[in-house]
């Protein structure tokens, strides 16, 4: 059975809303936990989120960097939001995933939310 893009985005947003302040997750991790999606789909979902209801700024690429966008202001905004949560960027403009990566939702939460 095919899953609509709206359903996929809802799954992605549900997982993203669980990322606690001061932590980040990667596009690939979100895709894996949400299921039925790819890192690219997570990127599209984050680009469309645009509200503080979905903490899009807590999602970074696999290198711990902010992914470039069409609007460079959003990159500065994302960095500002992350720094306001206590996340420190290294000299190469990357975040230490060792220090700041969220370990993901608990198994019971994934089951309760129909993600596994």
Protein backbone atom coordinates (compact mmCIF):
# COMPACT_ATOMS: atom_id res chain seq x y z
CA UNK A 1 0.00 0.00 0.00
CA UNK A 2 1.44 3.37 -1.03
CA UNK A 3 1.82 6.16 1.48
CA UNK A 4 0.87 9.70 0.46
CA UNK A 5 3.38 12.51 0.83
CA UNK A 6 1.06 14.12 3.39
CA UNK A 7 1.16 10.98 5.51
CA UNK A 8 4.93 10.77 5.18
CA UNK A 9 5.35 14.42 6.19
CA UNK A 10 3.07 13.85 9.19
CA UNK A 11 5.30 10.97 10.30
CA UNK A 12 8.43 13.09 9.80
CA UNK A 13 6.95 15.99 11.77
CA UNK A 14 5.83 13.68 14.58
CA UNK A 15 9.41 12.43 15.05
CA UNK A 16 10.96 15.89 14.65
CA UNK A 17 8.72 17.32 17.38
CA UNK A 18 10.34 14.86 19.80
CA UNK A 19 13.87 16.24 19.39
CA UNK A 20 14.61 18.00 22.69
CA UNK A 21 16.04 21.50 22.88
CA UNK A 22 19.83 21.41 22.84
CA UNK A 23 19.93 18.29 20.65
CA UNK A 24 20.00 17.70 16.90
CA UNK A 25 19.18 14.87 14.55
CA UNK A 26 20.18 14.20 10.98
CA UNK A 27 17.94 13.95 7.94
CA UNK A 28 18.85 10.27 7.66
CA UNK A 29 18.03 9.48 11.27
CA UNK A 30 14.63 11.16 11.00
CA UNK A 31 13.93 9.23 7.77
CA UNK A 32 14.82 5.95 9.45
CA UNK A 33 12.68 6.59 12.55
CA UNK A 34 9.72 7.97 10.61
CA UNK A 35 9.84 5.16 8.06
CA UNK A 36 8.49 5.33 4.49
CA UNK A 37 10.84 8.24 3.73
CA UNK A 38 14.32 9.23 2.64
CA UNK A 39 16.71 11.91 3.90
CA UNK A 40 15.78 14.03 0.87
CA UNK A 41 12.08 13.78 1.80
CA UNK A 42 12.93 14.89 5.34
CA UNK A 43 14.74 17.89 3.83
CA UNK A 44 11.66 18.81 1.81
CA UNK A 45 9.49 18.40 4.89
CA UNK A 46 11.77 20.64 6.96
CA UNK A 47 11.81 23.28 4.22
CA UNK A 48 8.01 23.27 4.32
CA UNK A 49 7.69 23.25 8.12
CA UNK A 50 8.41 26.93 8.65
CA UNK A 51 6.87 27.18 12.10
CA UNK A 52 8.08 26.83 15.64
CA UNK A 53 5.56 23.99 16.08
CA UNK A 54 8.01 21.71 14.22
CA UNK A 55 11.60 22.33 15.37
CA UNK A 56 13.06 22.16 11.85
CA UNK A 57 16.21 23.93 13.02
CA UNK A 58 17.22 20.84 15.05
CA UNK A 59 17.70 18.78 11.87
CA UNK A 60 21.15 18.93 10.27
CA UNK A 61 23.04 16.95 7.68
CA UNK A 62 25.12 13.83 8.38
CA UNK A 63 28.27 15.93 8.85
CA UNK A 64 26.63 17.98 11.60
CA UNK A 65 26.33 21.02 9.35
CA UNK A 66 23.44 23.24 8.37
CA UNK A 67 22.43 22.37 4.83
CA UNK A 68 22.50 25.23 2.33
CA UNK A 69 19.14 26.60 1.26
CA UNK A 70 17.86 28.98 -1.39
CA UNK A 71 17.52 31.64 1.30
CA UNK A 72 20.81 32.18 3.18
CA UNK A 73 18.88 34.05 5.89
CA UNK A 74 17.28 30.75 6.95
CA UNK A 75 20.75 29.27 7.48
CA UNK A 76 21.65 32.16 9.78
CA UNK A 77 18.30 31.80 11.54
CA UNK A 78 18.87 28.07 12.04
CA UNK A 79 22.31 28.66 13.50
CA UNK A 80 20.96 31.37 15.80
CA UNK A 81 18.15 29.12 17.04
CA UNK A 82 20.58 26.27 17.71
CA UNK A 83 23.07 28.51 19.51
CA UNK A 84 20.23 29.90 21.64
CA UNK A 85 19.60 26.31 22.76
CA UNK A 86 23.23 25.98 23.85
CA UNK A 87 24.60 24.16 20.83
CA UNK A 88 28.16 25.14 20.04
CA UNK A 89 29.50 25.10 16.50
CA UNK A 90 33.09 24.06 15.90
CA UNK A 91 35.49 26.24 13.90
CA UNK A 92 34.46 24.41 10.71
CA UNK A 93 30.80 25.46 11.26
CA UNK A 94 29.77 21.95 12.22
CA UNK A 95 28.10 20.57 15.29
CA UNK A 96 29.67 17.67 17.15
CA UNK A 97 27.16 14.88 16.65
CA UNK A 98 29.00 13.00 19.38
CA UNK A 99 28.02 15.73 21.83
CA UNK A 100 24.65 16.91 20.52
CA UNK A 101 22.99 14.06 18.60
CA UNK A 102 19.62 12.96 19.90
CA UNK A 103 19.52 9.21 20.32
CA UNK A 104 16.00 9.01 18.96
CA UNK A 105 12.59 8.10 20.22
CA UNK A 106 12.10 5.22 22.62
CA UNK A 107 10.70 1.96 21.24
CA UNK A 108 7.37 2.30 23.11
CA UNK A 109 6.87 5.80 21.62
CA UNK A 110 7.57 4.48 18.11
CA UNK A 111 4.98 1.73 18.65
CA UNK A 112 2.37 4.09 20.16
CA UNK A 113 2.74 6.41 17.18
CA UNK A 114 2.46 3.66 14.60
CA UNK A 115 5.98 4.14 13.29
CA UNK A 116 6.95 0.49 13.71
